[in-house]
Structures are given as C-alpha cells and as structure tokens.
Amino acid sequence: MFTETLHQILPGLFISDKLAASNPGLLKRSGITHIIVCAAEIKGKHNKEFTTLHLNLEDNKTCELEKIMNPCVNFIKKAKRLKGNTLLYDNDGKSRSVSIAIGYMIEVHGYKYYSALNHIKRFHSVAAPSKNFVDQLMAIEAKEKKLAAEEACNCAIF
C-alpha cells in the first residue's frame, strides 16, 4: 500500500514509503533535510537539497542490522544537531525503515523493542519488521540492557 504521506514518529524523525519520498515538495513542506534510503534496490538520487545516506540494505536473513546502526544513529543525531528532520524510507515503509527507526529508539532513547514498535504503529500503522529484523532488534535491546547494567555497576563502585 503506497501512500503519499510522511509519518512523524519522533521529533525530527519520519518514516514513509518510496512514493512519498519521491515527492520533493512534500519533503520540503515537512521540513525534511536528511534522508536515509533503507533499500539496496532503490537507486534514485535525491535533490542536492537533502543530505542522503543510502544503505545497501536487503530484507533477508543475511542482512546484519547491528553493522549499520552506528552510521544511521550518527546521521540522525547530526541532523538533529543541525535542527533538521530525517526521513527513513524503503519500498513500502514496513520493515527496513521501521527496523532502523526501532534500532535508533532502542540505542538512543532506551526503548524496548515492543514499546518502540507500538509507538511507531500509533503513527505509521503499516509497521511490520521481518522476523529476521525482529530477532536482531531484540538482540540489540539485550545488548543495550547489558551495557546499561554494566554502567550502573561501574558507577556504584566509585
């Protein structure tokens, strides 16, 4: 289901499908300054008015989200520092773009996987990460939880 709508899921962070992302007027009206293309098969170039990160991301069992999360998180954080808005999109806006958004929410804002997914679904009802991505995002959540616990223990020692 393609729409010509951008869905704001957090301040400064939007999700859409490729139809909406291909409309420069809509992007400008929405204040989009940065774009993450979350699909290897989408080859088009965006207007130079938008700073773009193109991920060679495929929705299959060999794709490793953890390897691309750091560049994505840094890209979104940079856009926020510049008072910009970031759009994440893939073909239909269901799995890859949503998975990157959830990973960002887990790593930066401390969300749990299901809380992040439910939050996104309030604004972007088609959100449906693939099983492979769900498993990886749950692993990222567990890793973040472990890091937080280790930091808490290290702080308590001093």
N, C-alpha and C. Protein backbone atom coordinates (compact mmCIF):
# COMPACT_ATOMS: atom_id res chain seq x y z
N MET A 1 0.84 -1.18 0.00
CA MET A 1 0.00 0.00 0.00
C MET A 1 0.89 1.24 0.00
N PHE A 2 0.94 1.94 -1.10
CA PHE A 2 1.74 3.15 -1.19
C PHE A 2 0.87 4.35 -0.85
N THR A 3 1.44 5.27 -0.10
CA THR A 3 0.73 6.50 0.24
C THR A 3 1.64 7.66 -0.10
N GLU A 4 1.08 8.80 -0.11
CA GLU A 4 1.91 9.98 -0.29
C GLU A 4 1.90 10.77 1.01
N THR A 5 2.29 10.06 2.08
CA THR A 5 2.26 10.63 3.41
C THR A 5 3.56 10.29 4.13
N LEU A 6 4.07 11.27 4.87
CA LEU A 6 5.18 11.04 5.77
C LEU A 6 4.60 10.92 7.17
N HIS A 7 5.12 10.02 7.97
CA HIS A 7 4.64 9.86 9.34
C HIS A 7 5.75 10.23 10.31
N GLN A 8 5.49 11.24 11.13
CA GLN A 8 6.47 11.64 12.13
C GLN A 8 6.31 10.72 13.33
N ILE A 9 7.38 10.00 13.66
CA ILE A 9 7.32 9.05 14.77
C ILE A 9 7.99 9.57 16.04
N LEU A 10 8.90 10.49 15.88
CA LEU A 10 9.56 11.18 16.98
C LEU A 10 9.88 12.59 16.49
N PRO A 11 10.14 13.52 17.39
CA PRO A 11 10.57 14.83 16.90
C PRO A 11 11.81 14.68 16.01
N GLY A 12 11.71 15.16 14.79
CA GLY A 12 12.83 15.12 13.86
C GLY A 12 13.01 13.82 13.11
N LEU A 13 12.10 12.84 13.30
CA LEU A 13 12.26 11.54 12.65
C LEU A 13 10.94 11.10 12.00
N PHE A 14 11.02 10.82 10.69
CA PHE A 14 9.85 10.45 9.89
C PHE A 14 10.10 9.13 9.18
N ILE A 15 8.99 8.44 8.82
CA ILE A 15 9.04 7.21 8.03
C ILE A 15 8.06 7.36 6.88
N SER A 16 8.42 6.77 5.73
CA SER A 16 7.48 6.71 4.60
C SER A 16 7.85 5.58 3.67
N ASP A 17 7.07 5.46 2.61
CA ASP A 17 7.40 4.54 1.53
C ASP A 17 8.07 5.34 0.41
N LYS A 18 8.42 4.65 -0.67
CA LYS A 18 9.17 5.33 -1.74
C LYS A 18 8.32 6.34 -2.51
N LEU A 19 7.01 6.15 -2.56
CA LEU A 19 6.17 7.12 -3.26
C LEU A 19 6.23 8.48 -2.58
N ALA A 20 6.02 8.49 -1.29
CA ALA A 20 6.08 9.76 -0.55
C ALA A 20 7.48 10.37 -0.62
N ALA A 21 8.49 9.51 -0.52
CA ALA A 21 9.87 10.00 -0.52
C ALA A 21 10.28 10.57 -1.87
N SER A 22 9.56 10.24 -2.91
CA SER A 22 9.90 10.73 -4.25
C SER A 22 9.26 12.08 -4.56
N ASN A 23 8.57 12.66 -3.60
CA ASN A 23 7.89 13.94 -3.78
C ASN A 23 8.66 15.06 -3.08
N PRO A 24 9.54 15.78 -3.81
CA PRO A 24 10.37 16.80 -3.16
C PRO A 24 9.55 17.90 -2.49
N GLY A 25 8.40 18.24 -3.06
CA GLY A 25 7.56 19.26 -2.44
C GLY A 25 7.06 18.84 -1.08
N LEU A 26 6.62 17.59 -0.97
CA LEU A 26 6.17 17.05 0.31
C LEU A 26 7.31 17.02 1.32
N LEU A 27 8.48 16.62 0.87
CA LEU A 27 9.64 16.57 1.76
C LEU A 27 9.98 17.96 2.29
N LYS A 28 9.98 18.93 1.41
CA LYS A 28 10.30 20.31 1.82
C LYS A 28 9.23 20.85 2.78
N ARG A 29 7.95 20.63 2.46
CA ARG A 29 6.87 21.11 3.33
C ARG A 29 6.95 20.47 4.72
N SER A 30 7.47 19.27 4.78
CA SER A 30 7.59 18.54 6.06
C SER A 30 8.89 18.88 6.78
N GLY A 31 9.72 19.71 6.18
CA GLY A 31 10.97 20.12 6.81
C GLY A 31 12.07 19.07 6.76
N ILE A 32 11.95 18.12 5.84
CA ILE A 32 12.97 17.07 5.72
C ILE A 32 14.26 17.69 5.19
N THR A 33 15.36 17.41 5.86
CA THR A 33 16.67 17.88 5.44
C THR A 33 17.63 16.72 5.17
N HIS A 34 17.35 15.59 5.81
CA HIS A 34 18.21 14.41 5.73
C HIS A 34 17.36 13.20 5.38
N ILE A 35 17.90 12.31 4.56
CA ILE A 35 17.17 11.13 4.12
C ILE A 35 18.06 9.90 4.24
N ILE A 36 17.50 8.84 4.83
CA ILE A 36 18.16 7.54 4.83
C ILE A 36 17.33 6.62 3.95
N VAL A 37 17.94 6.20 2.84
CA VAL A 37 17.30 5.25 1.93
C VAL A 37 17.63 3.86 2.47
N CYS A 38 16.63 3.14 2.93
CA CYS A 38 16.83 1.87 3.61
C CYS A 38 16.59 0.67 2.69
N ALA A 39 16.97 0.79 1.43
CA ALA A 39 16.72 -0.29 0.48
C ALA A 39 17.80 -0.31 -0.59
N ALA A 40 18.46 -1.45 -0.73
CA ALA A 40 19.53 -1.58 -1.72
C ALA A 40 19.02 -1.37 -3.14
N GLU A 41 17.78 -1.80 -3.40
CA GLU A 41 17.27 -1.75 -4.77
C GLU A 41 16.78 -0.37 -5.21
N ILE A 42 16.67 0.57 -4.30
CA ILE A 42 16.27 1.93 -4.68
C ILE A 42 17.52 2.69 -5.08
N LYS A 43 17.60 3.02 -6.35
CA LYS A 43 18.83 3.59 -6.90
C LYS A 43 18.75 5.09 -7.18
N GLY A 44 17.59 5.68 -7.11
CA GLY A 44 17.45 7.09 -7.48
C GLY A 44 18.25 8.03 -6.61
N LYS A 45 18.59 9.14 -7.18
CA LYS A 45 19.30 10.19 -6.46
C LYS A 45 18.28 11.22 -5.98
N HIS A 46 18.53 11.76 -4.79
CA HIS A 46 17.67 12.82 -4.28
C HIS A 46 18.27 14.16 -4.64
N ASN A 47 17.42 15.14 -4.67
CA ASN A 47 17.83 16.52 -4.89
C ASN A 47 18.97 16.87 -3.94
N LYS A 48 19.88 17.68 -4.38
CA LYS A 48 21.03 18.04 -3.55
C LYS A 48 20.64 18.86 -2.33
N GLU A 49 19.38 19.27 -2.26
CA GLU A 49 18.91 19.99 -1.08
C GLU A 49 18.83 19.07 0.14
N PHE A 50 18.86 17.77 -0.08
CA PHE A 50 18.74 16.81 1.01
C PHE A 50 20.07 16.07 1.19
N THR A 51 20.52 15.97 2.42
CA THR A 51 21.69 15.15 2.74
C THR A 51 21.20 13.71 2.81
N THR A 52 21.84 12.82 2.06
CA THR A 52 21.31 11.47 1.92
C THR A 52 22.34 10.40 2.30
N LEU A 53 21.86 9.41 3.03
CA LEU A 53 22.63 8.21 3.34
C LEU A 53 21.91 7.05 2.68
N HIS A 54 22.59 6.35 1.79
CA HIS A 54 21.97 5.22 1.09
C HIS A 54 22.53 3.93 1.67
N LEU A 55 21.64 3.12 2.26
CA LEU A 55 22.05 1.84 2.84
C LEU A 55 21.88 0.73 1.83
N ASN A 56 22.85 -0.14 1.76
CA ASN A 56 22.75 -1.32 0.90
C ASN A 56 22.04 -2.41 1.71
N LEU A 57 20.78 -2.12 2.04
CA LEU A 57 20.03 -2.94 2.98
C LEU A 57 18.99 -3.79 2.25
N GLU A 58 19.09 -5.08 2.45
CA GLU A 58 18.12 -6.01 1.87
C GLU A 58 17.38 -6.69 3.01
N ASP A 59 16.13 -7.00 2.78
CA ASP A 59 15.31 -7.63 3.80
C ASP A 59 15.43 -9.14 3.65
N ASN A 60 16.57 -9.66 4.12
CA ASN A 60 16.81 -11.10 4.03
C ASN A 60 17.58 -11.57 5.25
N LYS A 61 17.83 -12.85 5.35
CA LYS A 61 18.44 -13.44 6.53
C LYS A 61 19.93 -13.13 6.67
N THR A 62 20.56 -12.63 5.63
CA THR A 62 22.00 -12.35 5.72
C THR A 62 22.28 -10.91 6.14
N CYS A 63 21.29 -10.06 6.13
CA CYS A 63 21.49 -8.65 6.47
C CYS A 63 21.70 -8.50 7.98
N GLU A 64 22.75 -7.78 8.35
CA GLU A 64 23.08 -7.59 9.76
C GLU A 64 22.84 -6.13 10.15
N LEU A 65 21.76 -5.90 10.88
CA LEU A 65 21.40 -4.54 11.29
C LEU A 65 22.46 -3.89 12.18
N GLU A 66 23.02 -4.66 13.07
CA GLU A 66 23.97 -4.08 14.04
C GLU A 66 25.12 -3.37 13.34
N LYS A 67 25.55 -3.89 12.18
CA LYS A 67 26.67 -3.28 11.46
C LYS A 67 26.32 -1.92 10.88
N ILE A 68 25.05 -1.65 10.63
CA ILE A 68 24.69 -0.36 10.02
C ILE A 68 24.04 0.61 11.00
N MET A 69 23.77 0.15 12.22
CA MET A 69 23.09 1.04 13.16
C MET A 69 23.93 2.26 13.55
N ASN A 70 25.22 2.07 13.78
CA ASN A 70 26.04 3.21 14.21
C ASN A 70 26.05 4.34 13.19
N PRO A 71 26.28 4.07 11.89
CA PRO A 71 26.21 5.17 10.92
C PRO A 71 24.82 5.82 10.86
N CYS A 72 23.78 5.01 11.02
CA CYS A 72 22.41 5.57 11.00
C CYS A 72 22.16 6.47 12.21
N VAL A 73 22.53 5.99 13.38
CA VAL A 73 22.34 6.78 14.60
C VAL A 73 23.11 8.09 14.49
N ASN A 74 24.35 8.02 14.04
CA ASN A 74 25.16 9.24 13.90
C ASN A 74 24.56 10.21 12.89
N PHE A 75 24.02 9.69 11.80
CA PHE A 75 23.40 10.51 10.76
C PHE A 75 22.18 11.25 11.31
N ILE A 76 21.33 10.52 12.04
CA ILE A 76 20.13 11.12 12.63
C ILE A 76 20.51 12.15 13.69
N LYS A 77 21.48 11.82 14.53
CA LYS A 77 21.93 12.76 15.56
C LYS A 77 22.49 14.04 14.93
N LYS A 78 23.25 13.89 13.85
CA LYS A 78 23.80 15.07 13.18
C LYS A 78 22.67 15.95 12.64
N ALA A 79 21.68 15.34 12.02
CA ALA A 79 20.54 16.10 11.52
C ALA A 79 19.87 16.86 12.65
N LYS A 80 19.70 16.22 13.79
CA LYS A 80 19.06 16.87 14.94
C LYS A 80 19.90 18.05 15.44
N ARG A 81 21.23 17.86 15.49
CA ARG A 81 22.11 18.96 15.92
C ARG A 81 21.97 20.16 14.99
N LEU A 82 21.73 19.89 13.71
CA LEU A 82 21.57 20.95 12.71
C LEU A 82 20.13 21.45 12.63
N LYS A 83 19.29 21.01 13.57
CA LYS A 83 17.87 21.38 13.61
C LYS A 83 17.11 20.89 12.38
N GLY A 84 17.56 19.74 11.84
CA GLY A 84 16.91 19.16 10.67
C GLY A 84 16.01 18.00 11.03
N ASN A 85 15.33 17.50 10.02
CA ASN A 85 14.45 16.34 10.15
C ASN A 85 14.94 15.24 9.22
N THR A 86 14.91 14.00 9.71
CA THR A 86 15.37 12.86 8.93
C THR A 86 14.19 12.00 8.51
N LEU A 87 14.20 11.60 7.25
CA LEU A 87 13.22 10.65 6.72
C LEU A 87 13.90 9.32 6.49
N LEU A 88 13.29 8.25 7.00
CA LEU A 88 13.71 6.87 6.73
C LEU A 88 12.68 6.29 5.77
N TYR A 89 13.14 5.69 4.67
CA TYR A 89 12.17 5.04 3.79
C TYR A 89 12.76 3.85 3.08
N ASP A 90 11.86 2.95 2.68
CA ASP A 90 12.18 1.83 1.81
C ASP A 90 11.02 1.70 0.83
N ASN A 91 10.90 0.59 0.15
CA ASN A 91 9.85 0.46 -0.86
C ASN A 91 8.46 0.72 -0.31
N ASP A 92 8.09 -0.01 0.73
CA ASP A 92 6.72 0.12 1.25
C ASP A 92 6.65 0.67 2.66
N GLY A 93 7.78 0.99 3.27
CA GLY A 93 7.79 1.59 4.60
C GLY A 93 7.34 0.66 5.71
N LYS A 94 7.51 -0.64 5.52
CA LYS A 94 7.03 -1.59 6.52
C LYS A 94 8.13 -2.21 7.38
N SER A 95 9.22 -2.63 6.78
CA SER A 95 10.19 -3.45 7.51
C SER A 95 11.54 -2.75 7.72
N ARG A 96 12.24 -2.47 6.64
CA ARG A 96 13.61 -1.96 6.79
C ARG A 96 13.67 -0.59 7.44
N SER A 97 12.89 0.36 6.95
CA SER A 97 12.91 1.70 7.54
C SER A 97 12.42 1.66 8.99
N VAL A 98 11.40 0.86 9.24
CA VAL A 98 10.88 0.72 10.60
C VAL A 98 11.93 0.08 11.51
N SER A 99 12.66 -0.90 11.00
CA SER A 99 13.69 -1.55 11.80
C SER A 99 14.81 -0.59 12.18
N ILE A 100 15.20 0.27 11.25
CA ILE A 100 16.23 1.27 11.57
C ILE A 100 15.70 2.23 12.62
N ALA A 101 14.44 2.64 12.49
CA ALA A 101 13.83 3.54 13.48
C ALA A 101 13.79 2.88 14.86
N ILE A 102 13.40 1.62 14.91
CA ILE A 102 13.34 0.92 16.20
C ILE A 102 14.75 0.79 16.79
N GLY A 103 15.73 0.44 15.98
CA GLY A 103 17.10 0.35 16.47
C GLY A 103 17.58 1.67 17.05
N TYR A 104 17.25 2.75 16.37
CA TYR A 104 17.60 4.10 16.86
C TYR A 104 16.91 4.35 18.21
N MET A 105 15.64 4.03 18.30
CA MET A 105 14.90 4.27 19.54
C MET A 105 15.44 3.44 20.69
N ILE A 106 15.87 2.21 20.41
CA ILE A 106 16.47 1.36 21.45
C ILE A 106 17.81 1.94 21.89
N GLU A 107 18.67 2.25 20.92
CA GLU A 107 20.03 2.68 21.25
C GLU A 107 20.10 4.08 21.84
N VAL A 108 19.29 4.99 21.34
CA VAL A 108 19.40 6.39 21.76
C VAL A 108 18.43 6.76 22.87
N HIS A 109 17.22 6.24 22.80
CA HIS A 109 16.19 6.65 23.75
C HIS A 109 15.83 5.59 24.79
N GLY A 110 16.49 4.41 24.72
CA GLY A 110 16.28 3.38 25.72
C GLY A 110 14.96 2.63 25.63
N TYR A 111 14.31 2.70 24.47
CA TYR A 111 13.07 1.95 24.29
C TYR A 111 13.34 0.45 24.32
N LYS A 112 12.35 -0.31 24.69
CA LYS A 112 12.35 -1.75 24.50
C LYS A 112 11.74 -2.00 23.12
N TYR A 113 12.04 -3.15 22.51
CA TYR A 113 11.58 -3.43 21.15
C TYR A 113 10.08 -3.22 20.99
N TYR A 114 9.28 -3.90 21.82
CA TYR A 114 7.82 -3.83 21.62
C TYR A 114 7.26 -2.44 21.91
N SER A 115 7.86 -1.73 22.85
CA SER A 115 7.42 -0.36 23.11
C SER A 115 7.69 0.53 21.91
N ALA A 116 8.87 0.35 21.30
CA ALA A 116 9.21 1.15 20.12
C ALA A 116 8.28 0.82 18.96
N LEU A 117 8.05 -0.47 18.72
CA LEU A 117 7.15 -0.87 17.63
C LEU A 117 5.75 -0.32 17.85
N ASN A 118 5.22 -0.47 19.04
CA ASN A 118 3.87 0.04 19.32
C ASN A 118 3.80 1.55 19.18
N HIS A 119 4.85 2.24 19.61
CA HIS A 119 4.88 3.69 19.45
C HIS A 119 4.82 4.06 17.96
N ILE A 120 5.64 3.40 17.15
CA ILE A 120 5.66 3.69 15.72
C ILE A 120 4.30 3.39 15.08
N LYS A 121 3.69 2.27 15.47
CA LYS A 121 2.41 1.88 14.88
C LYS A 121 1.30 2.90 15.16
N ARG A 122 1.43 3.68 16.23
CA ARG A 122 0.45 4.73 16.51
C ARG A 122 0.42 5.77 15.39
N PHE A 123 1.54 5.97 14.74
CA PHE A 123 1.66 6.99 13.70
C PHE A 123 1.78 6.39 12.30
N HIS A 124 2.31 5.17 12.23
CA HIS A 124 2.64 4.52 10.96
C HIS A 124 2.13 3.08 11.03
N SER A 125 0.85 2.91 10.77
CA SER A 125 0.16 1.65 11.06
C SER A 125 0.68 0.45 10.28
N VAL A 126 1.37 0.66 9.16
CA VAL A 126 1.86 -0.47 8.36
C VAL A 126 3.16 -1.06 8.88
N ALA A 127 3.71 -0.53 9.96
CA ALA A 127 4.99 -1.01 10.50
C ALA A 127 4.93 -2.51 10.78
N ALA A 128 5.86 -3.25 10.18
CA ALA A 128 5.89 -4.71 10.34
C ALA A 128 7.28 -5.24 10.00
N PRO A 129 8.24 -5.11 10.92
CA PRO A 129 9.58 -5.64 10.64
C PRO A 129 9.55 -7.14 10.38
N SER A 130 10.44 -7.58 9.50
CA SER A 130 10.54 -9.02 9.20
C SER A 130 11.05 -9.76 10.43
N LYS A 131 10.80 -11.06 10.47
CA LYS A 131 11.22 -11.91 11.60
C LYS A 131 12.73 -11.79 11.83
N ASN A 132 13.51 -11.79 10.76
CA ASN A 132 14.96 -11.66 10.88
C ASN A 132 15.32 -10.36 11.60
N PHE A 133 14.68 -9.27 11.22
CA PHE A 133 14.98 -7.98 11.86
C PHE A 133 14.47 -7.93 13.29
N VAL A 134 13.33 -8.53 13.56
CA VAL A 134 12.82 -8.58 14.94
C VAL A 134 13.84 -9.28 15.83
N ASP A 135 14.34 -10.42 15.39
CA ASP A 135 15.32 -11.16 16.18
C ASP A 135 16.57 -10.31 16.43
N GLN A 136 17.03 -9.61 15.40
CA GLN A 136 18.22 -8.77 15.55
C GLN A 136 17.96 -7.59 16.48
N LEU A 137 16.80 -6.99 16.37
CA LEU A 137 16.47 -5.85 17.23
C LEU A 137 16.34 -6.28 18.69
N MET A 138 15.81 -7.47 18.91
CA MET A 138 15.73 -8.00 20.28
C MET A 138 17.15 -8.22 20.83
N ALA A 139 18.07 -8.66 19.97
CA ALA A 139 19.46 -8.83 20.40
C ALA A 139 20.10 -7.47 20.71
N ILE A 140 19.80 -6.46 19.91
CA ILE A 140 20.32 -5.12 20.17
C ILE A 140 19.77 -4.61 21.51
N GLU A 141 18.48 -4.86 21.75
CA GLU A 141 17.87 -4.46 23.03
C GLU A 141 18.58 -5.13 24.20
N ALA A 142 18.84 -6.44 24.08
CA ALA A 142 19.52 -7.18 25.15
C ALA A 142 20.93 -6.63 25.39
N LYS A 143 21.62 -6.31 24.30
CA LYS A 143 22.97 -5.76 24.42
C LYS A 143 22.93 -4.39 25.12
N GLU A 144 21.99 -3.55 24.74
CA GLU A 144 21.86 -2.23 25.37
C GLU A 144 21.51 -2.36 26.85
N LYS A 145 20.66 -3.32 27.18
CA LYS A 145 20.29 -3.55 28.58
C LYS A 145 21.51 -3.99 29.38
N LYS A 146 22.33 -4.87 28.79
CA LYS A 146 23.54 -5.35 29.45
C LYS A 146 24.53 -4.19 29.65
N LEU A 147 24.69 -3.35 28.62
CA LEU A 147 25.60 -2.21 28.74
C LEU A 147 25.13 -1.25 29.84
N ALA A 148 23.83 -1.02 29.90
CA ALA A 148 23.29 -0.13 30.93
C ALA A 148 23.53 -0.69 32.33
N ALA A 149 23.37 -2.00 32.47
CA ALA A 149 23.60 -2.65 33.76
C ALA A 149 25.08 -2.57 34.15
N GLU A 150 25.96 -2.77 33.17
CA GLU A 150 27.40 -2.68 33.44
C GLU A 150 27.78 -1.26 33.83
N GLU A 151 27.20 -0.27 33.17
CA GLU A 151 27.49 1.13 33.53
C GLU A 151 27.00 1.42 34.93
N ALA A 152 25.84 0.91 35.30
CA ALA A 152 25.30 1.13 36.64
C ALA A 152 26.21 0.50 37.69
N CYS A 153 26.73 -0.70 37.40
CA CYS A 153 27.63 -1.35 38.34
C CYS A 153 28.94 -0.58 38.47
N ASN A 154 29.47 -0.09 37.36
CA ASN A 154 30.72 0.67 37.39
C ASN A 154 30.55 1.97 38.16
N CYS A 155 29.42 2.60 38.04
CA CYS A 155 29.16 3.85 38.77
C CYS A 155 29.05 3.59 40.26
N ALA A 156 28.45 2.45 40.63
CA ALA A 156 28.26 2.15 42.02
C ALA A 156 29.57 1.83 42.75
N ILE A 157 30.60 1.43 42.01
CA ILE A 157 31.88 1.08 42.61
C ILE A 157 32.59 2.32 43.14
N PHE A 158 32.42 3.43 42.49
CA PHE A 158 33.15 4.65 42.88
C PHE A 158 32.59 5.20 44.11
